[in-house]
Amino acid sequence: MEIIPDNLHWKDSYKLYTGSIMPRPIALVSTISKEGIPNLAPFSSFSGVSPHPFIISFAPMFRPEDGTKKDTLQNIEATRQFVVNTVTEDIVLQMNETSAEFSSEIDEFQVSGLTPIPSSKVMPYRVKQSPIQMECELVDIVSFGQNVGSSSLVLGRVVQMHVDDSIYKDGKIDFAKMKPVGRLAGEYYTKISDLFTLKHPKILE
């Protein structure tokens, strides 16, 4: 089947997008409003950009109900700071609780039962239960459209990392102990269950 995404309704394009790009890591992003209200929300359009400088990205969509900016994006625009907390099997249910569209006065830490702890270099709180927390300062926001179905790409520089000792050894993350969770499509998620390795090919001279 040949498909031109621009010819689809945004909901059909979204289904194609989420069903073709997977599994996706989940960024549980914590921000704070200019009034000091904490916010916590998950985003599966999340990726690394550069290891040095350490740049990561995630892409919040505009609200499907009315095409307005989500609280996360508004807070980052106001404070230029955020924290990305990794999602594991241990907190996936709490993460799901934060995915609802709450009003901006609601603190999702309280809704989910996750514990906020102070960050070292930025204002937003970290999630205590997350084994990896990345404190970020905003690098840039690139918007792709301004309507329902459109997104903004948020680029952040990691200025401080917090890694639980139980998953960090010899400068590497033990992902088997970390038990990360990935996003698929619809209500489906995935976890590590069947691993295999591939040796990097050598170039013949």
N, C-alpha and C. Protein backbone atom coordinates (compact mmCIF):
# COMPACT_ATOMS: atom_id res chain seq x y z
N MET A 1 0.83 -1.20 0.00
CA MET A 1 0.00 0.00 0.00
C MET A 1 0.87 1.25 0.00
N GLU A 2 0.53 2.19 -0.83
CA GLU A 2 1.24 3.47 -0.89
C GLU A 2 0.44 4.51 -0.10
N ILE A 3 1.11 5.20 0.81
CA ILE A 3 0.43 6.17 1.68
C ILE A 3 1.18 7.49 1.67
N ILE A 4 0.47 8.57 1.48
CA ILE A 4 1.03 9.90 1.61
C ILE A 4 0.51 10.50 2.91
N PRO A 5 1.33 10.60 3.96
CA PRO A 5 0.85 11.05 5.27
C PRO A 5 0.15 12.40 5.24
N ASP A 6 0.60 13.31 4.39
CA ASP A 6 -0.02 14.64 4.34
C ASP A 6 -1.48 14.60 3.89
N ASN A 7 -1.87 13.50 3.24
CA ASN A 7 -3.25 13.39 2.76
C ASN A 7 -4.19 12.77 3.80
N LEU A 8 -3.62 12.35 4.93
CA LEU A 8 -4.42 11.69 5.96
C LEU A 8 -4.96 12.69 6.97
N HIS A 9 -6.06 12.34 7.63
CA HIS A 9 -6.52 13.07 8.80
C HIS A 9 -5.45 12.89 9.88
N TRP A 10 -5.27 13.88 10.75
CA TRP A 10 -4.17 13.81 11.71
C TRP A 10 -4.25 12.58 12.61
N LYS A 11 -5.45 12.11 12.93
CA LYS A 11 -5.58 10.92 13.77
C LYS A 11 -5.07 9.67 13.05
N ASP A 12 -5.33 9.57 11.75
CA ASP A 12 -4.83 8.44 10.97
C ASP A 12 -3.32 8.53 10.79
N SER A 13 -2.84 9.75 10.61
CA SER A 13 -1.39 9.95 10.51
C SER A 13 -0.71 9.59 11.83
N TYR A 14 -1.36 9.93 12.94
CA TYR A 14 -0.83 9.60 14.26
C TYR A 14 -0.73 8.09 14.46
N LYS A 15 -1.75 7.36 14.02
CA LYS A 15 -1.73 5.90 14.14
C LYS A 15 -0.60 5.30 13.31
N LEU A 16 -0.37 5.86 12.14
CA LEU A 16 0.72 5.40 11.29
C LEU A 16 2.07 5.71 11.94
N TYR A 17 2.16 6.89 12.53
CA TYR A 17 3.38 7.36 13.20
C TYR A 17 3.74 6.46 14.38
N THR A 18 2.77 6.22 15.28
CA THR A 18 3.05 5.43 16.47
C THR A 18 3.19 3.94 16.15
N GLY A 19 2.54 3.50 15.09
CA GLY A 19 2.62 2.08 14.74
C GLY A 19 3.85 1.72 13.94
N SER A 20 4.53 2.73 13.38
CA SER A 20 5.71 2.47 12.56
C SER A 20 7.02 2.73 13.29
N ILE A 21 6.98 3.63 14.27
CA ILE A 21 8.19 3.99 15.00
C ILE A 21 8.11 3.39 16.39
N MET A 22 8.68 2.22 16.57
CA MET A 22 8.61 1.54 17.86
C MET A 22 9.65 0.41 17.94
N PRO A 23 10.01 0.02 19.17
CA PRO A 23 9.55 0.60 20.44
C PRO A 23 10.21 1.96 20.69
N ARG A 24 9.52 2.80 21.45
CA ARG A 24 10.03 4.13 21.75
C ARG A 24 10.30 4.25 23.24
N PRO A 25 11.46 4.80 23.63
CA PRO A 25 11.69 5.04 25.05
C PRO A 25 10.75 6.13 25.55
N ILE A 26 10.52 6.14 26.84
CA ILE A 26 9.57 7.08 27.43
C ILE A 26 10.31 8.06 28.32
N ALA A 27 10.12 9.33 28.06
CA ALA A 27 10.65 10.39 28.92
C ALA A 27 9.54 10.85 29.85
N LEU A 28 9.72 10.63 31.14
CA LEU A 28 8.79 11.17 32.12
C LEU A 28 9.34 12.54 32.51
N VAL A 29 8.74 13.58 31.93
CA VAL A 29 9.31 14.93 32.02
C VAL A 29 8.68 15.71 33.17
N SER A 30 9.53 16.20 34.05
CA SER A 30 9.05 17.05 35.14
C SER A 30 9.45 18.49 34.87
N THR A 31 8.48 19.38 35.07
CA THR A 31 8.69 20.81 34.89
C THR A 31 8.05 21.53 36.06
N ILE A 32 8.18 22.84 36.06
CA ILE A 32 7.52 23.65 37.08
C ILE A 32 7.03 24.93 36.42
N SER A 33 5.85 25.37 36.79
CA SER A 33 5.29 26.57 36.20
C SER A 33 5.93 27.81 36.83
N LYS A 34 5.71 28.95 36.20
CA LYS A 34 6.26 30.18 36.76
C LYS A 34 5.60 30.52 38.09
N GLU A 35 4.41 29.90 38.36
CA GLU A 35 3.75 30.08 39.65
C GLU A 35 4.24 29.08 40.69
N GLY A 36 5.13 28.15 40.27
CA GLY A 36 5.70 27.19 41.20
C GLY A 36 4.95 25.89 41.32
N ILE A 37 4.04 25.59 40.38
CA ILE A 37 3.28 24.34 40.42
C ILE A 37 4.03 23.26 39.66
N PRO A 38 4.38 22.13 40.31
CA PRO A 38 5.07 21.04 39.62
C PRO A 38 4.18 20.39 38.58
N ASN A 39 4.79 19.88 37.52
CA ASN A 39 4.07 19.17 36.47
C ASN A 39 4.88 17.93 36.09
N LEU A 40 4.18 16.86 35.77
CA LEU A 40 4.83 15.61 35.41
C LEU A 40 4.03 14.96 34.30
N ALA A 41 4.68 14.63 33.17
CA ALA A 41 3.97 14.05 32.03
C ALA A 41 4.92 13.19 31.20
N PRO A 42 4.40 12.08 30.61
CA PRO A 42 5.24 11.19 29.81
C PRO A 42 5.18 11.54 28.32
N PHE A 43 6.31 11.33 27.65
CA PHE A 43 6.40 11.57 26.21
C PHE A 43 7.24 10.45 25.59
N SER A 44 6.68 9.79 24.56
CA SER A 44 7.40 8.67 23.95
C SER A 44 8.12 9.07 22.67
N SER A 45 7.95 10.30 22.22
CA SER A 45 8.80 10.79 21.13
C SER A 45 10.04 11.38 21.78
N PHE A 46 10.91 10.49 22.23
CA PHE A 46 12.06 10.83 23.08
C PHE A 46 13.31 10.18 22.51
N SER A 47 14.39 10.95 22.42
CA SER A 47 15.61 10.40 21.82
C SER A 47 16.84 11.16 22.29
N GLY A 48 17.99 10.49 22.15
CA GLY A 48 19.26 11.16 22.35
C GLY A 48 19.67 11.88 21.08
N VAL A 49 20.45 12.94 21.23
CA VAL A 49 20.89 13.73 20.09
C VAL A 49 22.41 13.75 19.99
N SER A 50 23.08 14.01 21.12
CA SER A 50 24.54 14.13 21.11
C SER A 50 25.09 13.76 22.48
N PRO A 51 26.18 12.97 22.54
CA PRO A 51 26.74 12.61 23.84
C PRO A 51 27.68 13.67 24.42
N HIS A 52 28.23 14.55 23.57
CA HIS A 52 29.19 15.55 24.08
C HIS A 52 29.22 16.75 23.16
N PRO A 53 28.47 17.80 23.40
CA PRO A 53 27.66 18.01 24.61
C PRO A 53 26.49 17.04 24.68
N PHE A 54 26.06 16.74 25.90
CA PHE A 54 25.01 15.76 26.14
C PHE A 54 23.67 16.43 25.87
N ILE A 55 23.10 16.15 24.69
CA ILE A 55 21.84 16.75 24.29
C ILE A 55 20.79 15.66 24.10
N ILE A 56 19.61 15.87 24.66
CA ILE A 56 18.51 14.94 24.46
C ILE A 56 17.31 15.72 23.92
N SER A 57 16.32 15.00 23.41
CA SER A 57 15.15 15.67 22.84
C SER A 57 13.88 14.89 23.12
N PHE A 58 12.78 15.61 23.14
CA PHE A 58 11.46 14.97 23.15
C PHE A 58 10.51 15.91 22.43
N ALA A 59 9.38 15.35 21.99
CA ALA A 59 8.48 16.13 21.14
C ALA A 59 7.05 16.11 21.69
N PRO A 60 6.66 17.13 22.44
CA PRO A 60 5.27 17.21 22.91
C PRO A 60 4.34 17.66 21.79
N MET A 61 3.25 16.93 21.61
CA MET A 61 2.24 17.33 20.64
C MET A 61 1.34 18.40 21.23
N PHE A 62 0.69 19.15 20.37
CA PHE A 62 -0.33 20.08 20.84
C PHE A 62 -1.55 19.27 21.28
N ARG A 63 -2.32 19.82 22.21
CA ARG A 63 -3.47 19.09 22.75
C ARG A 63 -4.44 18.71 21.63
N PRO A 64 -4.86 17.45 21.57
CA PRO A 64 -5.77 17.01 20.51
C PRO A 64 -7.16 17.63 20.63
N GLU A 65 -7.51 18.08 21.84
CA GLU A 65 -8.85 18.64 22.03
C GLU A 65 -9.01 20.01 21.35
N ASP A 66 -7.96 20.84 21.48
CA ASP A 66 -8.11 22.21 20.98
C ASP A 66 -6.86 22.79 20.31
N GLY A 67 -5.79 21.98 20.20
CA GLY A 67 -4.59 22.44 19.52
C GLY A 67 -3.74 23.41 20.33
N THR A 68 -3.99 23.52 21.64
CA THR A 68 -3.19 24.41 22.48
C THR A 68 -1.93 23.70 22.99
N LYS A 69 -1.00 24.46 23.52
CA LYS A 69 0.25 23.90 24.05
C LYS A 69 -0.02 23.19 25.37
N LYS A 70 0.65 22.06 25.57
CA LYS A 70 0.53 21.34 26.83
C LYS A 70 1.31 22.09 27.92
N ASP A 71 0.96 21.80 29.19
CA ASP A 71 1.61 22.47 30.32
C ASP A 71 3.12 22.30 30.29
N THR A 72 3.57 21.11 29.91
CA THR A 72 5.01 20.85 29.87
C THR A 72 5.72 21.86 28.98
N LEU A 73 5.21 22.06 27.78
CA LEU A 73 5.85 22.98 26.84
C LEU A 73 5.76 24.42 27.35
N GLN A 74 4.60 24.80 27.88
CA GLN A 74 4.46 26.16 28.40
C GLN A 74 5.43 26.41 29.56
N ASN A 75 5.60 25.42 30.42
CA ASN A 75 6.51 25.58 31.56
C ASN A 75 7.96 25.70 31.10
N ILE A 76 8.34 24.92 30.10
CA ILE A 76 9.71 24.98 29.60
C ILE A 76 9.97 26.32 28.93
N GLU A 77 9.00 26.81 28.20
CA GLU A 77 9.15 28.13 27.58
C GLU A 77 9.34 29.21 28.65
N ALA A 78 8.67 29.05 29.79
CA ALA A 78 8.73 30.06 30.85
C ALA A 78 10.01 29.97 31.68
N THR A 79 10.47 28.74 31.96
CA THR A 79 11.60 28.56 32.88
C THR A 79 12.90 28.14 32.19
N ARG A 80 12.77 27.57 30.96
CA ARG A 80 13.91 27.07 30.18
C ARG A 80 14.63 25.91 30.90
N GLN A 81 13.88 25.16 31.69
CA GLN A 81 14.45 24.02 32.41
C GLN A 81 13.45 22.87 32.46
N PHE A 82 13.98 21.64 32.56
CA PHE A 82 13.14 20.47 32.76
C PHE A 82 14.01 19.30 33.20
N VAL A 83 13.37 18.24 33.66
CA VAL A 83 14.07 17.01 34.06
C VAL A 83 13.44 15.84 33.32
N VAL A 84 14.28 14.98 32.75
CA VAL A 84 13.78 13.75 32.14
C VAL A 84 14.10 12.59 33.09
N ASN A 85 13.05 11.89 33.49
CA ASN A 85 13.17 10.73 34.38
C ASN A 85 12.85 9.48 33.58
N THR A 86 13.73 8.48 33.63
CA THR A 86 13.50 7.27 32.86
C THR A 86 12.38 6.43 33.49
N VAL A 87 11.67 5.70 32.63
CA VAL A 87 10.53 4.89 33.07
C VAL A 87 10.93 3.42 33.08
N THR A 88 10.67 2.77 34.19
CA THR A 88 10.98 1.35 34.35
C THR A 88 9.70 0.58 34.70
N GLU A 89 9.85 -0.74 34.78
CA GLU A 89 8.71 -1.58 35.15
C GLU A 89 8.14 -1.19 36.51
N ASP A 90 9.01 -0.72 37.40
CA ASP A 90 8.59 -0.41 38.77
C ASP A 90 7.65 0.79 38.85
N ILE A 91 7.74 1.71 37.87
CA ILE A 91 6.93 2.93 37.96
C ILE A 91 6.03 3.13 36.73
N VAL A 92 5.88 2.10 35.91
CA VAL A 92 5.10 2.27 34.68
C VAL A 92 3.63 2.57 34.97
N LEU A 93 3.07 2.01 36.02
CA LEU A 93 1.67 2.28 36.34
C LEU A 93 1.49 3.73 36.81
N GLN A 94 2.43 4.21 37.61
CA GLN A 94 2.37 5.61 38.06
C GLN A 94 2.57 6.55 36.89
N MET A 95 3.48 6.19 35.97
CA MET A 95 3.70 6.98 34.77
C MET A 95 2.41 7.13 33.99
N ASN A 96 1.67 6.04 33.86
CA ASN A 96 0.42 6.06 33.10
C ASN A 96 -0.59 7.02 33.74
N GLU A 97 -0.57 7.11 35.06
CA GLU A 97 -1.49 8.02 35.75
C GLU A 97 -1.23 9.48 35.37
N THR A 98 0.02 9.80 35.06
CA THR A 98 0.36 11.19 34.73
C THR A 98 0.02 11.56 33.29
N SER A 99 -0.41 10.59 32.49
CA SER A 99 -0.65 10.84 31.06
C SER A 99 -1.99 11.52 30.78
N ALA A 100 -2.86 11.59 31.79
CA ALA A 100 -4.16 12.24 31.59
C ALA A 100 -3.97 13.75 31.43
N GLU A 101 -4.92 14.40 30.77
CA GLU A 101 -4.86 15.85 30.56
C GLU A 101 -5.47 16.57 31.78
N PHE A 102 -4.63 16.80 32.79
CA PHE A 102 -5.08 17.52 33.98
C PHE A 102 -4.99 19.02 33.74
N SER A 103 -5.73 19.78 34.52
CA SER A 103 -5.62 21.23 34.45
C SER A 103 -4.27 21.66 35.01
N SER A 104 -3.84 22.85 34.65
CA SER A 104 -2.49 23.31 35.02
C SER A 104 -2.31 23.49 36.52
N GLU A 105 -3.41 23.51 37.30
CA GLU A 105 -3.30 23.68 38.75
C GLU A 105 -3.03 22.35 39.46
N ILE A 106 -3.11 21.25 38.73
CA ILE A 106 -2.95 19.93 39.34
C ILE A 106 -1.47 19.52 39.35
N ASP A 107 -1.03 19.00 40.49
CA ASP A 107 0.32 18.47 40.65
C ASP A 107 0.28 16.97 40.39
N GLU A 108 0.84 16.53 39.27
CA GLU A 108 0.79 15.10 38.91
C GLU A 108 1.63 14.22 39.83
N PHE A 109 2.56 14.80 40.56
CA PHE A 109 3.27 14.01 41.56
C PHE A 109 2.28 13.48 42.59
N GLN A 110 1.37 14.33 43.04
CA GLN A 110 0.37 13.91 44.02
C GLN A 110 -0.62 12.91 43.43
N VAL A 111 -1.00 13.13 42.18
CA VAL A 111 -1.95 12.23 41.52
C VAL A 111 -1.37 10.82 41.38
N SER A 112 -0.10 10.74 41.00
CA SER A 112 0.53 9.45 40.69
C SER A 112 1.12 8.76 41.92
N GLY A 113 1.41 9.52 42.96
CA GLY A 113 2.07 8.94 44.12
C GLY A 113 3.57 8.89 43.99
N LEU A 114 4.12 9.41 42.90
CA LEU A 114 5.56 9.48 42.74
C LEU A 114 6.12 10.60 43.63
N THR A 115 7.36 10.43 44.05
CA THR A 115 7.94 11.32 45.05
C THR A 115 8.82 12.39 44.42
N PRO A 116 8.50 13.68 44.61
CA PRO A 116 9.36 14.74 44.09
C PRO A 116 10.55 14.99 45.02
N ILE A 117 11.72 15.12 44.44
CA ILE A 117 12.91 15.47 45.22
C ILE A 117 13.62 16.62 44.51
N PRO A 118 14.28 17.50 45.26
CA PRO A 118 14.93 18.66 44.65
C PRO A 118 16.03 18.26 43.66
N SER A 119 16.15 19.04 42.62
CA SER A 119 17.23 18.86 41.66
C SER A 119 18.46 19.63 42.15
N SER A 120 19.60 19.39 41.51
CA SER A 120 20.84 20.04 41.92
C SER A 120 21.06 21.37 41.22
N LYS A 121 20.68 21.43 39.91
CA LYS A 121 21.02 22.61 39.12
C LYS A 121 19.83 23.27 38.43
N VAL A 122 18.66 22.65 38.50
CA VAL A 122 17.48 23.24 37.87
C VAL A 122 16.34 23.30 38.88
N MET A 123 15.30 24.06 38.55
CA MET A 123 14.18 24.23 39.48
C MET A 123 13.21 23.05 39.53
N PRO A 124 12.87 22.41 38.39
CA PRO A 124 11.91 21.30 38.45
C PRO A 124 12.40 20.16 39.33
N TYR A 125 11.46 19.48 39.97
CA TYR A 125 11.78 18.34 40.82
C TYR A 125 12.13 17.11 39.98
N ARG A 126 12.89 16.22 40.62
CA ARG A 126 13.16 14.91 40.03
C ARG A 126 12.18 13.88 40.61
N VAL A 127 12.08 12.75 39.93
CA VAL A 127 11.25 11.64 40.43
C VAL A 127 12.16 10.69 41.19
N LYS A 128 11.95 10.59 42.48
CA LYS A 128 12.81 9.77 43.33
C LYS A 128 12.87 8.32 42.87
N GLN A 129 11.74 7.77 42.44
CA GLN A 129 11.67 6.34 42.08
C GLN A 129 12.31 6.02 40.74
N SER A 130 12.66 7.02 39.96
CA SER A 130 13.30 6.76 38.66
C SER A 130 14.80 6.55 38.85
N PRO A 131 15.38 5.50 38.26
CA PRO A 131 16.81 5.22 38.47
C PRO A 131 17.75 6.14 37.71
N ILE A 132 17.25 6.85 36.71
CA ILE A 132 18.07 7.82 35.97
C ILE A 132 17.27 9.10 35.83
N GLN A 133 17.87 10.19 36.31
CA GLN A 133 17.22 11.50 36.23
C GLN A 133 18.19 12.47 35.56
N MET A 134 17.75 13.14 34.54
CA MET A 134 18.59 14.06 33.77
C MET A 134 18.08 15.48 33.89
N GLU A 135 18.82 16.31 34.59
CA GLU A 135 18.47 17.72 34.72
C GLU A 135 18.90 18.45 33.46
N CYS A 136 17.98 19.19 32.86
CA CYS A 136 18.25 19.79 31.55
C CYS A 136 17.98 21.30 31.53
N GLU A 137 18.79 21.98 30.76
CA GLU A 137 18.54 23.37 30.42
C GLU A 137 18.19 23.44 28.94
N LEU A 138 17.23 24.26 28.61
CA LEU A 138 16.72 24.33 27.24
C LEU A 138 17.79 24.83 26.27
N VAL A 139 17.93 24.13 25.15
CA VAL A 139 18.79 24.56 24.05
C VAL A 139 17.96 25.27 23.00
N ASP A 140 16.86 24.62 22.60
CA ASP A 140 16.02 25.21 21.56
C ASP A 140 14.69 24.48 21.50
N ILE A 141 13.70 25.16 20.95
CA ILE A 141 12.40 24.56 20.66
C ILE A 141 12.10 24.82 19.19
N VAL A 142 11.87 23.75 18.44
CA VAL A 142 11.55 23.88 17.02
C VAL A 142 10.12 23.39 16.83
N SER A 143 9.26 24.25 16.31
CA SER A 143 7.86 23.89 16.13
C SER A 143 7.58 23.45 14.70
N PHE A 144 6.80 22.38 14.57
CA PHE A 144 6.41 21.86 13.27
C PHE A 144 4.89 21.96 13.18
N GLY A 145 4.40 23.10 12.73
CA GLY A 145 2.98 23.35 12.68
C GLY A 145 2.47 23.91 14.00
N GLN A 146 1.26 24.41 13.98
CA GLN A 146 0.65 25.00 15.17
C GLN A 146 -0.77 24.48 15.39
N ASN A 147 -1.08 23.34 14.80
CA ASN A 147 -2.45 22.84 14.86
C ASN A 147 -2.51 21.48 15.54
N VAL A 148 -3.72 20.98 15.71
CA VAL A 148 -3.92 19.63 16.25
C VAL A 148 -3.15 18.62 15.40
N GLY A 149 -2.38 17.75 16.04
CA GLY A 149 -1.56 16.78 15.33
C GLY A 149 -0.14 17.23 15.13
N SER A 150 0.14 18.52 15.37
CA SER A 150 1.50 19.05 15.22
C SER A 150 2.27 18.89 16.53
N SER A 151 3.59 19.04 16.43
CA SER A 151 4.43 18.89 17.60
C SER A 151 5.52 19.95 17.62
N SER A 152 6.14 20.08 18.80
CA SER A 152 7.34 20.89 18.94
C SER A 152 8.47 19.97 19.38
N LEU A 153 9.66 20.18 18.85
CA LEU A 153 10.84 19.41 19.25
C LEU A 153 11.60 20.21 20.30
N VAL A 154 11.69 19.66 21.49
CA VAL A 154 12.39 20.32 22.59
C VAL A 154 13.79 19.71 22.72
N LEU A 155 14.80 20.54 22.62
CA LEU A 155 16.18 20.10 22.76
C LEU A 155 16.74 20.61 24.08
N GLY A 156 17.28 19.72 24.88
CA GLY A 156 17.80 20.12 26.18
C GLY A 156 19.21 19.61 26.41
N ARG A 157 20.01 20.44 27.07
CA ARG A 157 21.37 20.04 27.43
C ARG A 157 21.36 19.50 28.85
N VAL A 158 21.86 18.28 29.02
CA VAL A 158 21.90 17.65 30.34
C VAL A 158 23.05 18.28 31.13
N VAL A 159 22.70 18.96 32.21
CA VAL A 159 23.71 19.64 33.02
C VAL A 159 24.04 18.87 34.29
N GLN A 160 23.19 17.89 34.62
CA GLN A 160 23.44 17.05 35.80
C GLN A 160 22.67 15.75 35.63
N MET A 161 23.35 14.64 35.90
CA MET A 161 22.70 13.33 35.86
C MET A 161 22.73 12.70 37.23
N HIS A 162 21.69 11.93 37.52
CA HIS A 162 21.62 11.16 38.76
C HIS A 162 21.33 9.72 38.36
N VAL A 163 22.25 8.82 38.66
CA VAL A 163 22.11 7.41 38.28
C VAL A 163 22.20 6.55 39.53
N ASP A 164 21.22 5.70 39.71
CA ASP A 164 21.20 4.83 40.88
C ASP A 164 22.40 3.88 40.85
N ASP A 165 23.05 3.74 41.99
CA ASP A 165 24.25 2.89 42.08
C ASP A 165 23.98 1.45 41.67
N SER A 166 22.74 0.97 41.86
CA SER A 166 22.43 -0.43 41.58
C SER A 166 22.48 -0.77 40.10
N ILE A 167 22.41 0.24 39.21
CA ILE A 167 22.41 -0.04 37.78
C ILE A 167 23.65 0.52 37.06
N TYR A 168 24.59 1.07 37.83
CA TYR A 168 25.75 1.71 37.22
C TYR A 168 27.03 1.00 37.64
N LYS A 169 27.79 0.50 36.64
CA LYS A 169 29.01 -0.22 36.94
C LYS A 169 30.00 -0.03 35.80
N ASP A 170 31.23 0.30 36.13
CA ASP A 170 32.30 0.49 35.15
C ASP A 170 31.92 1.49 34.06
N GLY A 171 31.20 2.54 34.45
CA GLY A 171 30.84 3.58 33.50
C GLY A 171 29.70 3.23 32.57
N LYS A 172 29.02 2.12 32.84
CA LYS A 172 27.94 1.68 31.96
C LYS A 172 26.66 1.45 32.76
N ILE A 173 25.53 1.59 32.05
CA ILE A 173 24.22 1.31 32.64
C ILE A 173 23.88 -0.17 32.44
N ASP A 174 23.52 -0.84 33.51
CA ASP A 174 23.06 -2.23 33.43
C ASP A 174 21.56 -2.21 33.15
N PHE A 175 21.20 -2.30 31.86
CA PHE A 175 19.78 -2.17 31.49
C PHE A 175 18.95 -3.35 31.96
N ALA A 176 19.59 -4.52 32.17
CA ALA A 176 18.85 -5.68 32.67
C ALA A 176 18.34 -5.42 34.09
N LYS A 177 19.18 -4.78 34.89
CA LYS A 177 18.76 -4.44 36.25
C LYS A 177 17.82 -3.22 36.25
N MET A 178 18.02 -2.35 35.29
CA MET A 178 17.20 -1.14 35.21
C MET A 178 15.75 -1.47 34.83
N LYS A 179 15.55 -2.44 33.95
CA LYS A 179 14.23 -2.87 33.48
C LYS A 179 13.44 -1.73 32.83
N PRO A 180 13.98 -1.16 31.75
CA PRO A 180 13.27 -0.06 31.08
C PRO A 180 12.00 -0.55 30.38
N VAL A 181 11.08 0.39 30.18
CA VAL A 181 9.82 0.10 29.49
C VAL A 181 9.76 0.94 28.23
N GLY A 182 9.26 0.36 27.15
CA GLY A 182 9.12 1.07 25.89
C GLY A 182 7.67 1.20 25.48
N ARG A 183 7.39 2.18 24.64
CA ARG A 183 6.03 2.45 24.17
C ARG A 183 5.85 1.87 22.79
N LEU A 184 4.72 1.23 22.55
CA LEU A 184 4.37 0.73 21.23
C LEU A 184 3.23 1.60 20.70
N ALA A 185 2.15 1.03 20.28
CA ALA A 185 1.01 1.81 19.78
C ALA A 185 -0.22 1.50 20.61
N GLY A 186 -1.17 2.44 20.60
CA GLY A 186 -2.39 2.24 21.36
C GLY A 186 -2.10 2.08 22.84
N GLU A 187 -2.61 1.02 23.44
CA GLU A 187 -2.40 0.76 24.87
C GLU A 187 -1.27 -0.22 25.12
N TYR A 188 -0.45 -0.48 24.10
CA TYR A 188 0.59 -1.48 24.22
C TYR A 188 1.94 -0.88 24.62
N TYR A 189 2.62 -1.61 25.52
CA TYR A 189 3.97 -1.26 25.96
C TYR A 189 4.83 -2.52 25.84
N THR A 190 6.13 -2.35 26.02
CA THR A 190 7.02 -3.51 25.95
C THR A 190 8.09 -3.39 27.01
N LYS A 191 8.63 -4.54 27.42
CA LYS A 191 9.73 -4.58 28.37
C LYS A 191 10.77 -5.56 27.87
N ILE A 192 11.96 -5.51 28.46
CA ILE A 192 13.04 -6.39 28.04
C ILE A 192 12.68 -7.84 28.39
N SER A 193 12.70 -8.72 27.38
CA SER A 193 12.43 -10.12 27.65
C SER A 193 13.29 -11.06 26.81
N ASP A 194 13.64 -10.64 25.63
CA ASP A 194 14.40 -11.51 24.72
C ASP A 194 15.54 -10.69 24.13
N LEU A 195 16.74 -10.88 24.66
CA LEU A 195 17.89 -10.09 24.24
C LEU A 195 18.81 -10.89 23.32
N PHE A 196 19.44 -10.21 22.40
CA PHE A 196 20.48 -10.84 21.58
C PHE A 196 21.54 -9.80 21.28
N THR A 197 22.73 -10.26 20.89
CA THR A 197 23.83 -9.35 20.62
C THR A 197 24.30 -9.51 19.18
N LEU A 198 24.88 -8.46 18.63
CA LEU A 198 25.49 -8.47 17.31
C LEU A 198 26.84 -7.77 17.42
N LYS A 199 27.88 -8.43 16.96
CA LYS A 199 29.19 -7.79 16.98
C LYS A 199 29.28 -6.75 15.88
N HIS A 200 29.93 -5.65 16.18
CA HIS A 200 30.08 -4.59 15.18
C HIS A 200 30.98 -5.11 14.07
N PRO A 201 30.60 -4.94 12.80
CA PRO A 201 31.40 -5.47 11.70
C PRO A 201 32.76 -4.77 11.58
N LYS A 202 33.75 -5.55 11.22
CA LYS A 202 35.07 -5.00 10.99
C LYS A 202 35.24 -4.68 9.51
N ILE A 203 35.89 -3.57 9.24
CA ILE A 203 36.13 -3.17 7.87
C ILE A 203 37.40 -3.85 7.35
N LEU A 204 37.26 -4.56 6.25
CA LEU A 204 38.42 -5.24 5.68
C LEU A 204 39.29 -4.25 4.90
N GLU A 205 40.59 -4.29 5.15
CA GLU A 205 41.50 -3.39 4.43
C GLU A 205 42.07 -4.08 3.20
